[in-house]
Amino acid sequence: MSIYYIVLSVLFILLCIGLMVIILLQKKSAQGLGSIAGMGNSETYWDKNKGRSMEGALGKYTRICGVIFFLFSLVMCVIQ
C-alpha cells in the first residue's frame, strides 16, 4: 500500500465527516419537486438573496464538497 493511498484515505475520511456535518447543518426544505422543476415562487426577497445567507453558503459548500468527494472517489479507485 503506497503512502499516497494512505494520505488520500485520511483526507477522504475527513472530507466525508465534513460533508456529513454540512448536510446536517442545513435546514429541511419542504418544497419537494416544485423547487427542482422551477415551479416555486422565486420572486420573494428571501429567494433573491438566498446566496448571501447562511443557508445559501451551506448549499454552495455542499455542492463543492460533493464534487470533491466524487473526484476523490475516482482518484482512489484509479490508485488502488
PDB file of N, CA and C in Angstrom:
ATOM      1  N   MET A   1       0.859  -1.176   0.000  1.00  0.00           N
ATOM      2  CA  MET A   1       0.000   0.000   0.000  1.00  0.00           C
ATOM      3  C   MET A   1       0.902   1.235   0.000  1.00  0.00           C
ATOM      4  N   SER A   2       0.678   2.114  -0.946  1.00  0.00           N
ATOM      5  CA  SER A   2       1.545   3.279  -1.074  1.00  0.00           C
ATOM      6  C   SER A   2       1.155   4.374  -0.085  1.00  0.00           C
ATOM      7  N   ILE A   3       2.105   5.253   0.127  1.00  0.00           N
ATOM      8  CA  ILE A   3       1.891   6.361   1.060  1.00  0.00           C
ATOM      9  C   ILE A   3       0.820   7.320   0.502  1.00  0.00           C
ATOM     10  N   TYR A   4       0.736   7.421  -0.829  1.00  0.00           N
ATOM     11  CA  TYR A   4      -0.269   8.290  -1.438  1.00  0.00           C
ATOM     12  C   TYR A   4      -1.686   7.804  -1.121  1.00  0.00           C
ATOM     13  N   TYR A   5      -1.862   6.508  -1.161  1.00  0.00           N
ATOM     14  CA  TYR A   5      -3.179   5.941  -0.875  1.00  0.00           C
ATOM     15  C   TYR A   5      -3.569   6.170   0.584  1.00  0.00           C
ATOM     16  N   ILE A   6      -2.605   6.064   1.480  1.00  0.00           N
ATOM     17  CA  ILE A   6      -2.885   6.285   2.902  1.00  0.00           C
ATOM     18  C   ILE A   6      -3.263   7.742   3.144  1.00  0.00           C
ATOM     19  N   VAL A   7      -2.510   8.658   2.551  1.00  0.00           N
ATOM     20  CA  VAL A   7      -2.794  10.087   2.717  1.00  0.00           C
ATOM     21  C   VAL A   7      -4.160  10.421   2.114  1.00  0.00           C
ATOM     22  N   LEU A   8      -4.453   9.894   0.920  1.00  0.00           N
ATOM     23  CA  LEU A   8      -5.754  10.141   0.300  1.00  0.00           C
ATOM     24  C   LEU A   8      -6.889   9.531   1.122  1.00  0.00           C
ATOM     25  N   SER A   9      -6.639   8.384   1.737  1.00  0.00           N
ATOM     26  CA  SER A   9      -7.669   7.758   2.576  1.00  0.00           C
ATOM     27  C   SER A   9      -7.999   8.615   3.790  1.00  0.00           C
ATOM     28  N   VAL A  10      -6.982   9.171   4.417  1.00  0.00           N
ATOM     29  CA  VAL A  10      -7.202  10.039   5.579  1.00  0.00           C
ATOM     30  C   VAL A  10      -7.951  11.297   5.157  1.00  0.00           C
ATOM     31  N   LEU A  11      -7.539  11.908   4.039  1.00  0.00           N
ATOM     32  CA  LEU A  11      -8.229  13.102   3.547  1.00  0.00           C
ATOM     33  C   LEU A  11      -9.668  12.783   3.142  1.00  0.00           C
ATOM     34  N   PHE A  12      -9.878  11.600   2.578  1.00  0.00           N
ATOM     35  CA  PHE A  12     -11.219  11.173   2.177  1.00  0.00           C
ATOM     36  C   PHE A  12     -12.125  11.013   3.392  1.00  0.00           C
ATOM     37  N   ILE A  13     -11.607  10.444   4.454  1.00  0.00           N
ATOM     38  CA  ILE A  13     -12.392  10.277   5.680  1.00  0.00           C
ATOM     39  C   ILE A  13     -12.750  11.637   6.273  1.00  0.00           C
ATOM     40  N   LEU A  14     -11.784  12.560   6.293  1.00  0.00           N
ATOM     41  CA  LEU A  14     -12.062  13.908   6.795  1.00  0.00           C
ATOM     42  C   LEU A  14     -13.097  14.621   5.925  1.00  0.00           C
ATOM     43  N   LEU A  15     -13.002  14.428   4.615  1.00  0.00           N
ATOM     44  CA  LEU A  15     -13.976  15.020   3.704  1.00  0.00           C
ATOM     45  C   LEU A  15     -15.365  14.436   3.942  1.00  0.00           C
ATOM     46  N   CYS A  16     -15.452  13.140   4.173  1.00  0.00           N
ATOM     47  CA  CYS A  16     -16.748  12.505   4.451  1.00  0.00           C
ATOM     48  C   CYS A  16     -17.379  13.061   5.725  1.00  0.00           C
ATOM     49  N   ILE A  17     -16.573  13.215   6.758  1.00  0.00           N
ATOM     50  CA  ILE A  17     -17.086  13.762   8.020  1.00  0.00           C
ATOM     51  C   ILE A  17     -17.541  15.202   7.822  1.00  0.00           C
ATOM     52  N   GLY A  18     -16.743  15.990   7.101  1.00  0.00           N
ATOM     53  CA  GLY A  18     -17.116  17.376   6.832  1.00  0.00           C
ATOM     54  C   GLY A  18     -18.386  17.488   6.017  1.00  0.00           C
ATOM     55  N   LEU A  19     -18.536  16.622   5.021  1.00  0.00           N
ATOM     56  CA  LEU A  19     -19.739  16.632   4.195  1.00  0.00           C
ATOM     57  C   LEU A  19     -20.973  16.263   5.014  1.00  0.00           C
ATOM     58  N   MET A  20     -20.831  15.294   5.900  1.00  0.00           N
ATOM     59  CA  MET A  20     -21.959  14.925   6.763  1.00  0.00           C
ATOM     60  C   MET A  20     -22.363  16.081   7.673  1.00  0.00           C
ATOM     61  N   VAL A  21     -21.383  16.784   8.224  1.00  0.00           N
ATOM     62  CA  VAL A  21     -21.672  17.905   9.118  1.00  0.00           C
ATOM     63  C   VAL A  21     -22.384  19.020   8.356  1.00  0.00           C
ATOM     64  N   ILE A  22     -21.893  19.338   7.153  1.00  0.00           N
ATOM     65  CA  ILE A  22     -22.511  20.404   6.361  1.00  0.00           C
ATOM     66  C   ILE A  22     -23.949  20.040   6.001  1.00  0.00           C
ATOM     67  N   ILE A  23     -24.174  18.792   5.635  1.00  0.00           N
ATOM     68  CA  ILE A  23     -25.533  18.371   5.276  1.00  0.00           C
ATOM     69  C   ILE A  23     -26.456  18.427   6.483  1.00  0.00           C
ATOM     70  N   LEU A  24     -25.959  18.011   7.643  1.00  0.00           N
ATOM     71  CA  LEU A  24     -26.803  18.027   8.840  1.00  0.00           C
ATOM     72  C   LEU A  24     -27.090  19.435   9.351  1.00  0.00           C
ATOM     73  N   LEU A  25     -26.242  20.409   9.015  1.00  0.00           N
ATOM     74  CA  LEU A  25     -26.469  21.793   9.434  1.00  0.00           C
ATOM     75  C   LEU A  25     -27.550  22.491   8.614  1.00  0.00           C
ATOM     76  N   GLN A  26     -27.879  21.953   7.454  1.00  0.00           N
ATOM     77  CA  GLN A  26     -28.850  22.609   6.587  1.00  0.00           C
ATOM     78  C   GLN A  26     -30.264  22.448   7.114  1.00  0.00           C
ATOM     79  N   LYS A  27     -31.070  23.454   6.793  1.00  0.00           N
ATOM     80  CA  LYS A  27     -32.470  23.434   7.184  1.00  0.00           C
ATOM     81  C   LYS A  27     -33.243  22.549   6.211  1.00  0.00           C
ATOM     82  N   LYS A  28     -34.210  21.837   6.723  1.00  0.00           N
ATOM     83  CA  LYS A  28     -35.009  20.936   5.906  1.00  0.00           C
ATOM     84  C   LYS A  28     -35.880  21.743   4.947  1.00  0.00           C
ATOM     85  N   SER A  29     -35.882  21.364   3.681  1.00  0.00           N
ATOM     86  CA  SER A  29     -36.692  22.040   2.675  1.00  0.00           C
ATOM     87  C   SER A  29     -37.955  21.240   2.430  1.00  0.00           C
ATOM     88  N   ALA A  30     -39.106  21.895   2.496  1.00  0.00           N
ATOM     89  CA  ALA A  30     -40.382  21.210   2.318  1.00  0.00           C
ATOM     90  C   ALA A  30     -41.009  21.533   0.965  1.00  0.00           C
ATOM     91  N   GLN A  31     -40.238  22.043   0.020  1.00  0.00           N
ATOM     92  CA  GLN A  31     -40.800  22.409  -1.271  1.00  0.00           C
ATOM     93  C   GLN A  31     -40.995  21.206  -2.177  1.00  0.00           C
ATOM     94  N   GLY A  32     -40.257  20.160  -1.988  1.00  0.00           N
ATOM     95  CA  GLY A  32     -40.410  18.958  -2.798  1.00  0.00           C
ATOM     96  C   GLY A  32     -39.909  19.144  -4.211  1.00  0.00           C
ATOM     97  N   LEU A  33     -40.565  18.511  -5.165  1.00  0.00           N
ATOM     98  CA  LEU A  33     -40.134  18.564  -6.555  1.00  0.00           C
ATOM     99  C   LEU A  33     -40.440  19.892  -7.219  1.00  0.00           C
ATOM    100  N   GLY A  34     -41.263  20.704  -6.618  1.00  0.00           N
ATOM    101  CA  GLY A  34     -41.567  22.005  -7.196  1.00  0.00           C
ATOM    102  C   GLY A  34     -40.343  22.896  -7.304  1.00  0.00           C
ATOM    103  N   SER A  35     -39.421  22.772  -6.377  1.00  0.00           N
ATOM    104  CA  SER A  35     -38.207  23.591  -6.441  1.00  0.00           C
ATOM    105  C   SER A  35     -37.277  23.116  -7.542  1.00  0.00           C
ATOM    106  N   ILE A  36     -37.300  21.821  -7.850  1.00  0.00           N
ATOM    107  CA  ILE A  36     -36.449  21.292  -8.910  1.00  0.00           C
ATOM    108  C   ILE A  36     -37.008  21.676 -10.276  1.00  0.00           C
ATOM    109  N   ALA A  37     -38.295  21.587 -10.424  1.00  0.00           N
ATOM    110  CA  ALA A  37     -38.934  21.871 -11.707  1.00  0.00           C
ATOM    111  C   ALA A  37     -39.069  23.369 -11.965  1.00  0.00           C
ATOM    112  N   GLY A  38     -38.736  24.198 -11.004  1.00  0.00           N
ATOM    113  CA  GLY A  38     -38.837  25.632 -11.194  1.00  0.00           C
ATOM    114  C   GLY A  38     -40.224  26.181 -10.997  1.00  0.00           C
ATOM    115  N   MET A  39     -41.089  25.437 -10.331  1.00  0.00           N
ATOM    116  CA  MET A  39     -42.461  25.883 -10.135  1.00  0.00           C
ATOM    117  C   MET A  39     -42.625  26.684  -8.853  1.00  0.00           C
ATOM    118  N   GLY A  40     -41.566  26.815  -8.087  1.00  0.00           N
ATOM    119  CA  GLY A  40     -41.654  27.571  -6.844  1.00  0.00           C
ATOM    120  C   GLY A  40     -41.680  29.063  -7.102  1.00  0.00           C
ATOM    121  N   ASN A  41     -42.089  29.827  -6.110  1.00  0.00           N
ATOM    122  CA  ASN A  41     -42.143  31.272  -6.230  1.00  0.00           C
ATOM    123  C   ASN A  41     -40.766  31.836  -5.933  1.00  0.00           C
ATOM    124  N   SER A  42     -40.070  32.331  -6.947  1.00  0.00           N
ATOM    125  CA  SER A  42     -38.728  32.863  -6.759  1.00  0.00           C
ATOM    126  C   SER A  42     -38.709  34.382  -6.781  1.00  0.00           C
ATOM    127  N   GLU A  43     -39.833  35.004  -6.548  1.00  0.00           N
ATOM    128  CA  GLU A  43     -39.924  36.455  -6.584  1.00  0.00           C
ATOM    129  C   GLU A  43     -39.863  37.094  -5.201  1.00  0.00           C
ATOM    130  N   THR A  44     -39.694  36.320  -4.160  1.00  0.00           N
ATOM    131  CA  THR A  44     -39.631  36.881  -2.823  1.00  0.00           C
ATOM    132  C   THR A  44     -38.238  37.406  -2.533  1.00  0.00           C
ATOM    133  N   TYR A  45     -38.131  38.252  -1.550  1.00  0.00           N
ATOM    134  CA  TYR A  45     -36.842  38.812  -1.148  1.00  0.00           C
ATOM    135  C   TYR A  45     -35.900  37.709  -0.680  1.00  0.00           C
ATOM    136  N   TRP A  46     -36.447  36.729   0.053  1.00  0.00           N
ATOM    137  CA  TRP A  46     -35.611  35.646   0.589  1.00  0.00           C
ATOM    138  C   TRP A  46     -35.006  34.817  -0.546  1.00  0.00           C
ATOM    139  N   ASP A  47     -35.794  34.492  -1.570  1.00  0.00           N
ATOM    140  CA  ASP A  47     -35.297  33.680  -2.673  1.00  0.00           C
ATOM    141  C   ASP A  47     -34.272  34.428  -3.515  1.00  0.00           C
ATOM    142  N   LYS A  48     -34.447  35.731  -3.662  1.00  0.00           N
ATOM    143  CA  LYS A  48     -33.494  36.508  -4.452  1.00  0.00           C
ATOM    144  C   LYS A  48     -32.155  36.655  -3.739  1.00  0.00           C
ATOM    145  N   ASN A  49     -32.160  36.731  -2.419  1.00  0.00           N
ATOM    146  CA  ASN A  49     -30.932  36.948  -1.655  1.00  0.00           C
ATOM    147  C   ASN A  49     -30.479  35.702  -0.904  1.00  0.00           C
ATOM    148  N   LYS A  50     -30.899  34.551  -1.347  1.00  0.00           N
ATOM    149  CA  LYS A  50     -30.571  33.309  -0.654  1.00  0.00           C
ATOM    150  C   LYS A  50     -29.070  33.019  -0.698  1.00  0.00           C
ATOM    151  N   GLY A  51     -28.393  33.420  -1.751  1.00  0.00           N
ATOM    152  CA  GLY A  51     -26.965  33.172  -1.883  1.00  0.00           C
ATOM    153  C   GLY A  51     -26.122  33.897  -0.854  1.00  0.00           C
ATOM    154  N   ARG A  52     -26.650  34.960  -0.281  1.00  0.00           N
ATOM    155  CA  ARG A  52     -25.900  35.737   0.707  1.00  0.00           C
ATOM    156  C   ARG A  52     -26.167  35.291   2.129  1.00  0.00           C
ATOM    157  N   SER A  53     -27.069  34.358   2.315  1.00  0.00           N
ATOM    158  CA  SER A  53     -27.429  33.917   3.658  1.00  0.00           C
ATOM    159  C   SER A  53     -26.603  32.700   4.050  1.00  0.00           C
ATOM    160  N   MET A  54     -26.760  32.293   5.296  1.00  0.00           N
ATOM    161  CA  MET A  54     -26.072  31.109   5.799  1.00  0.00           C
ATOM    162  C   MET A  54     -26.548  29.861   5.071  1.00  0.00           C
ATOM    163  N   GLU A  55     -27.839  29.792   4.780  1.00  0.00           N
ATOM    164  CA  GLU A  55     -28.388  28.641   4.069  1.00  0.00           C
ATOM    165  C   GLU A  55     -27.824  28.547   2.654  1.00  0.00           C
ATOM    166  N   GLY A  56     -27.684  29.677   1.997  1.00  0.00           N
ATOM    167  CA  GLY A  56     -27.095  29.695   0.658  1.00  0.00           C
ATOM    168  C   GLY A  56     -25.641  29.277   0.677  1.00  0.00           C
ATOM    169  N   ALA A  57     -24.904  29.728   1.689  1.00  0.00           N
ATOM    170  CA  ALA A  57     -23.496  29.351   1.808  1.00  0.00           C
ATOM    171  C   ALA A  57     -23.354  27.854   2.072  1.00  0.00           C
ATOM    172  N   LEU A  58     -24.216  27.309   2.932  1.00  0.00           N
ATOM    173  CA  LEU A  58     -24.157  25.873   3.202  1.00  0.00           C
ATOM    174  C   LEU A  58     -24.488  25.068   1.947  1.00  0.00           C
ATOM    175  N   GLY A  59     -25.423  25.537   1.158  1.00  0.00           N
ATOM    176  CA  GLY A  59     -25.748  24.861  -0.098  1.00  0.00           C
ATOM    177  C   GLY A  59     -24.575  24.875  -1.064  1.00  0.00           C
ATOM    178  N   LYS A  60     -23.891  26.023  -1.129  1.00  0.00           N
ATOM    179  CA  LYS A  60     -22.731  26.140  -2.005  1.00  0.00           C
ATOM    180  C   LYS A  60     -21.611  25.223  -1.539  1.00  0.00           C
ATOM    181  N   TYR A  61     -21.352  25.178  -0.230  1.00  0.00           N
ATOM    182  CA  TYR A  61     -20.302  24.311   0.306  1.00  0.00           C
ATOM    183  C   TYR A  61     -20.656  22.831   0.132  1.00  0.00           C
ATOM    184  N   THR A  62     -21.939  22.509   0.182  1.00  0.00           N
ATOM    185  CA  THR A  62     -22.365  21.126  -0.034  1.00  0.00           C
ATOM    186  C   THR A  62     -22.069  20.698  -1.467  1.00  0.00           C
ATOM    187  N   ARG A  63     -22.368  21.567  -2.420  1.00  0.00           N
ATOM    188  CA  ARG A  63     -22.073  21.237  -3.815  1.00  0.00           C
ATOM    189  C   ARG A  63     -20.578  21.093  -4.051  1.00  0.00           C
ATOM    190  N   ILE A  64     -19.785  21.983  -3.479  1.00  0.00           N
ATOM    191  CA  ILE A  64     -18.330  21.920  -3.649  1.00  0.00           C
ATOM    192  C   ILE A  64     -17.773  20.648  -3.025  1.00  0.00           C
ATOM    193  N   CYS A  65     -18.180  20.343  -1.810  1.00  0.00           N
ATOM    194  CA  CYS A  65     -17.707  19.122  -1.142  1.00  0.00           C
ATOM    195  C   CYS A  65     -18.185  17.871  -1.866  1.00  0.00           C
ATOM    196  N   GLY A  66     -19.374  17.903  -2.440  1.00  0.00           N
ATOM    197  CA  GLY A  66     -19.873  16.764  -3.200  1.00  0.00           C
ATOM    198  C   GLY A  66     -19.033  16.489  -4.434  1.00  0.00           C
ATOM    199  N   VAL A  67     -18.637  17.544  -5.145  1.00  0.00           N
ATOM    200  CA  VAL A  67     -17.780  17.383  -6.321  1.00  0.00           C
ATOM    201  C   VAL A  67     -16.407  16.859  -5.911  1.00  0.00           C
ATOM    202  N   ILE A  68     -15.850  17.421  -4.836  1.00  0.00           N
ATOM    203  CA  ILE A  68     -14.549  16.953  -4.353  1.00  0.00           C
ATOM    204  C   ILE A  68     -14.640  15.503  -3.894  1.00  0.00           C
ATOM    205  N   PHE A  69     -15.740  15.128  -3.244  1.00  0.00           N
ATOM    206  CA  PHE A  69     -15.969  13.753  -2.825  1.00  0.00           C
ATOM    207  C   PHE A  69     -15.970  12.814  -4.029  1.00  0.00           C
ATOM    208  N   PHE A  70     -16.666  13.201  -5.078  1.00  0.00           N
ATOM    209  CA  PHE A  70     -16.724  12.398  -6.289  1.00  0.00           C
ATOM    210  C   PHE A  70     -15.339  12.245  -6.916  1.00  0.00           C
ATOM    211  N   LEU A  71     -14.588  13.341  -7.005  1.00  0.00           N
ATOM    212  CA  LEU A  71     -13.247  13.286  -7.591  1.00  0.00           C
ATOM    213  C   LEU A  71     -12.304  12.429  -6.749  1.00  0.00           C
ATOM    214  N   PHE A  72     -12.370  12.571  -5.415  1.00  0.00           N
ATOM    215  CA  PHE A  72     -11.546  11.736  -4.537  1.00  0.00           C
ATOM    216  C   PHE A  72     -11.881  10.268  -4.729  1.00  0.00           C
ATOM    217  N   SER A  73     -13.155   9.956  -4.879  1.00  0.00           N
ATOM    218  CA  SER A  73     -13.557   8.559  -5.084  1.00  0.00           C
ATOM    219  C   SER A  73     -12.963   8.002  -6.365  1.00  0.00           C
ATOM    220  N   LEU A  74     -13.021   8.784  -7.435  1.00  0.00           N
ATOM    221  CA  LEU A  74     -12.449   8.335  -8.704  1.00  0.00           C
ATOM    222  C   LEU A  74     -10.941   8.146  -8.608  1.00  0.00           C
ATOM    223  N   VAL A  75     -10.260   9.093  -7.991  1.00  0.00           N
ATOM    224  CA  VAL A  75      -8.799   9.015  -7.871  1.00  0.00           C
ATOM    225  C   VAL A  75      -8.399   7.808  -7.024  1.00  0.00           C
ATOM    226  N   MET A  76      -9.120   7.554  -5.957  1.00  0.00           N
ATOM    227  CA  MET A  76      -8.782   6.423  -5.106  1.00  0.00           C
ATOM    228  C   MET A  76      -9.039   5.092  -5.803  1.00  0.00           C
ATOM    229  N   CYS A  77     -10.041   5.033  -6.656  1.00  0.00           N
ATOM    230  CA  CYS A  77     -10.279   3.801  -7.433  1.00  0.00           C
ATOM    231  C   CYS A  77      -9.167   3.568  -8.445  1.00  0.00           C
ATOM    232  N   VAL A  78      -8.666   4.637  -9.049  1.00  0.00           N
ATOM    233  CA  VAL A  78      -7.593   4.511 -10.026  1.00  0.00           C
ATOM    234  C   VAL A  78      -6.283   4.118  -9.348  1.00  0.00           C
ATOM    235  N   ILE A  79      -5.995   4.693  -8.194  1.00  0.00           N
ATOM    236  CA  ILE A  79      -4.738   4.420  -7.499  1.00  0.00           C
ATOM    237  C   ILE A  79      -4.711   3.000  -6.952  1.00  0.00           C
ATOM    238  N   GLN A  80      -5.826   2.513  -6.494  1.00  0.00           N
ATOM    239  CA  GLN A  80      -5.862   1.182  -5.875  1.00  0.00           C
ATOM    240  C   GLN A  80      -5.646   0.174  -6.938  1.00  0.00           C
TER     241      GLN A  80
END
